[in-house]
Amino acid sequence: MVKGKINNELIGLYYDCSKSLKENLSTFKELNLKVGKSKLYEWCKENNIPTNIKNNQSTKNTVGLYLYNPISAIAG
């Protein structure tokens, strides 16, 4: 259970909402963080973060609306 919380916190720390899910996976790989595609989709869903930024009407022409708060993950 502790490992899962650490992974979720690291995902929250490095996830960039202005990038696609694929680009974020590449970032995690460069950082040597083992995060799978399904885990990242699950994390985004749990944190209400859209996974298809380019086709999401609510995020078009905007950047940074969806910010992850790691404190909420720890408290929740």
C-alpha atoms as a PDB file:
ATOM      1  CA  MET A   1       0.000   0.000   0.000  1.00  0.00           C
ATOM      2  CA  VAL A   2       2.835   2.419   0.755  1.00  0.00           C
ATOM      3  CA  LYS A   3       4.380   1.785  -2.671  1.00  0.00           C
ATOM      4  CA  GLY A   4       1.059   2.704  -4.314  1.00  0.00           C
ATOM      5  CA  LYS A   5       0.875   5.998  -2.428  1.00  0.00           C
ATOM      6  CA  ILE A   6       4.443   6.823  -3.394  1.00  0.00           C
ATOM      7  CA  ASN A   7       3.721   6.050  -7.056  1.00  0.00           C
ATOM      8  CA  ASN A   8       0.575   8.208  -6.970  1.00  0.00           C
ATOM      9  CA  GLU A   9       2.489  11.076  -5.403  1.00  0.00           C
ATOM     10  CA  LEU A  10       5.278  10.784  -7.984  1.00  0.00           C
ATOM     11  CA  ILE A  11       2.753  10.703 -10.809  1.00  0.00           C
ATOM     12  CA  GLY A  12       1.162  13.839  -9.386  1.00  0.00           C
ATOM     13  CA  LEU A  13       4.504  15.517  -9.038  1.00  0.00           C
ATOM     14  CA  TYR A  14       5.624  14.914 -12.619  1.00  0.00           C
ATOM     15  CA  TYR A  15       2.360  14.696 -14.592  1.00  0.00           C
ATOM     16  CA  ASP A  16       2.066  17.616 -17.011  1.00  0.00           C
ATOM     17  CA  CYS A  17      -1.551  18.402 -17.888  1.00  0.00           C
ATOM     18  CA  SER A  18      -0.489  20.315 -20.993  1.00  0.00           C
ATOM     19  CA  LYS A  19       1.009  17.137 -22.472  1.00  0.00           C
ATOM     20  CA  SER A  20      -0.687  14.051 -23.841  1.00  0.00           C
ATOM     21  CA  LEU A  21      -0.822  10.822 -21.897  1.00  0.00           C
ATOM     22  CA  LYS A  22       1.768   9.361 -24.293  1.00  0.00           C
ATOM     23  CA  GLU A  23       4.126  12.295 -23.734  1.00  0.00           C
ATOM     24  CA  ASN A  24       3.751  11.915 -19.972  1.00  0.00           C
ATOM     25  CA  LEU A  25       4.561   8.206 -20.236  1.00  0.00           C
ATOM     26  CA  SER A  26       7.755   9.151 -22.077  1.00  0.00           C
ATOM     27  CA  THR A  27       8.623  11.621 -19.330  1.00  0.00           C
ATOM     28  CA  PHE A  28       8.141   8.959 -16.649  1.00  0.00           C
ATOM     29  CA  LYS A  29      10.320   6.572 -18.622  1.00  0.00           C
ATOM     30  CA  GLU A  30      13.086   9.202 -18.857  1.00  0.00           C
ATOM     31  CA  LEU A  31      12.841   9.657 -15.081  1.00  0.00           C
ATOM     32  CA  ASN A  32      13.074   5.877 -14.576  1.00  0.00           C
ATOM     33  CA  LEU A  33       9.623   5.802 -12.984  1.00  0.00           C
ATOM     34  CA  LYS A  34       7.780   2.605 -13.788  1.00  0.00           C
ATOM     35  CA  VAL A  35       4.280   3.785 -14.632  1.00  0.00           C
ATOM     36  CA  GLY A  36       2.180   1.767 -17.036  1.00  0.00           C
ATOM     37  CA  LYS A  37      -0.391   3.129 -19.453  1.00  0.00           C
ATOM     38  CA  SER A  38      -3.329   1.582 -17.597  1.00  0.00           C
ATOM     39  CA  LYS A  39      -2.050   2.889 -14.250  1.00  0.00           C
ATOM     40  CA  LEU A  40      -1.762   6.390 -15.696  1.00  0.00           C
ATOM     41  CA  TYR A  41      -5.291   6.238 -17.157  1.00  0.00           C
ATOM     42  CA  GLU A  42      -6.572   5.055 -13.766  1.00  0.00           C
ATOM     43  CA  TRP A  43      -4.706   7.841 -11.932  1.00  0.00           C
ATOM     44  CA  CYS A  44      -6.100  10.491 -14.304  1.00  0.00           C
ATOM     45  CA  LYS A  45      -9.636   9.183 -13.859  1.00  0.00           C
ATOM     46  CA  GLU A  46      -9.309   9.171 -10.047  1.00  0.00           C
ATOM     47  CA  ASN A  47      -8.059  12.774 -10.122  1.00  0.00           C
ATOM     48  CA  ASN A  48     -10.563  14.044 -12.720  1.00  0.00           C
ATOM     49  CA  ILE A  49      -7.830  14.856 -15.212  1.00  0.00           C
ATOM     50  CA  PRO A  50      -8.804  14.583 -18.886  1.00  0.00           C
ATOM     51  CA  THR A  51      -6.597  12.204 -20.827  1.00  0.00           C
ATOM     52  CA  ASN A  52      -7.287  13.655 -24.256  1.00  0.00           C
ATOM     53  CA  ILE A  53      -6.317  17.313 -23.900  1.00  0.00           C
ATOM     54  CA  LYS A  54      -6.363  18.079 -27.632  1.00  0.00           C
ATOM     55  CA  ASN A  55      -9.979  16.984 -28.143  1.00  0.00           C
ATOM     56  CA  ASN A  56     -11.410  18.137 -24.818  1.00  0.00           C
ATOM     57  CA  GLN A  57     -13.563  21.247 -25.339  1.00  0.00           C
ATOM     58  CA  SER A  58     -13.101  22.424 -21.745  1.00  0.00           C
ATOM     59  CA  THR A  59      -9.317  22.663 -22.142  1.00  0.00           C
ATOM     60  CA  LYS A  60      -9.006  24.095 -25.649  1.00  0.00           C
ATOM     61  CA  ASN A  61      -6.984  27.317 -25.713  1.00  0.00           C
ATOM     62  CA  THR A  62      -6.223  26.984 -22.007  1.00  0.00           C
ATOM     63  CA  VAL A  63      -3.290  25.539 -20.135  1.00  0.00           C
ATOM     64  CA  GLY A  64      -2.982  24.596 -16.494  1.00  0.00           C
ATOM     65  CA  LEU A  65      -6.654  24.397 -15.557  1.00  0.00           C
ATOM     66  CA  TYR A  66      -6.264  20.888 -14.226  1.00  0.00           C
ATOM     67  CA  LEU A  67      -3.687  21.004 -11.482  1.00  0.00           C
ATOM     68  CA  TYR A  68      -3.046  17.971  -9.352  1.00  0.00           C
ATOM     69  CA  ASN A  69      -2.973  18.542  -5.614  1.00  0.00           C
ATOM     70  CA  PRO A  70      -0.823  15.861  -3.942  1.00  0.00           C
ATOM     71  CA  ILE A  71      -2.169  16.930  -0.529  1.00  0.00           C
ATOM     72  CA  SER A  72      -5.643  15.747  -1.496  1.00  0.00           C
ATOM     73  CA  ALA A  73      -4.246  12.323  -2.424  1.00  0.00           C
ATOM     74  CA  ILE A  74      -2.592  11.983   0.950  1.00  0.00           C
ATOM     75  CA  ALA A  75      -5.674  13.130   2.851  1.00  0.00           C
ATOM     76  CA  GLY A  76      -8.058  11.039   0.760  1.00  0.00           C
END
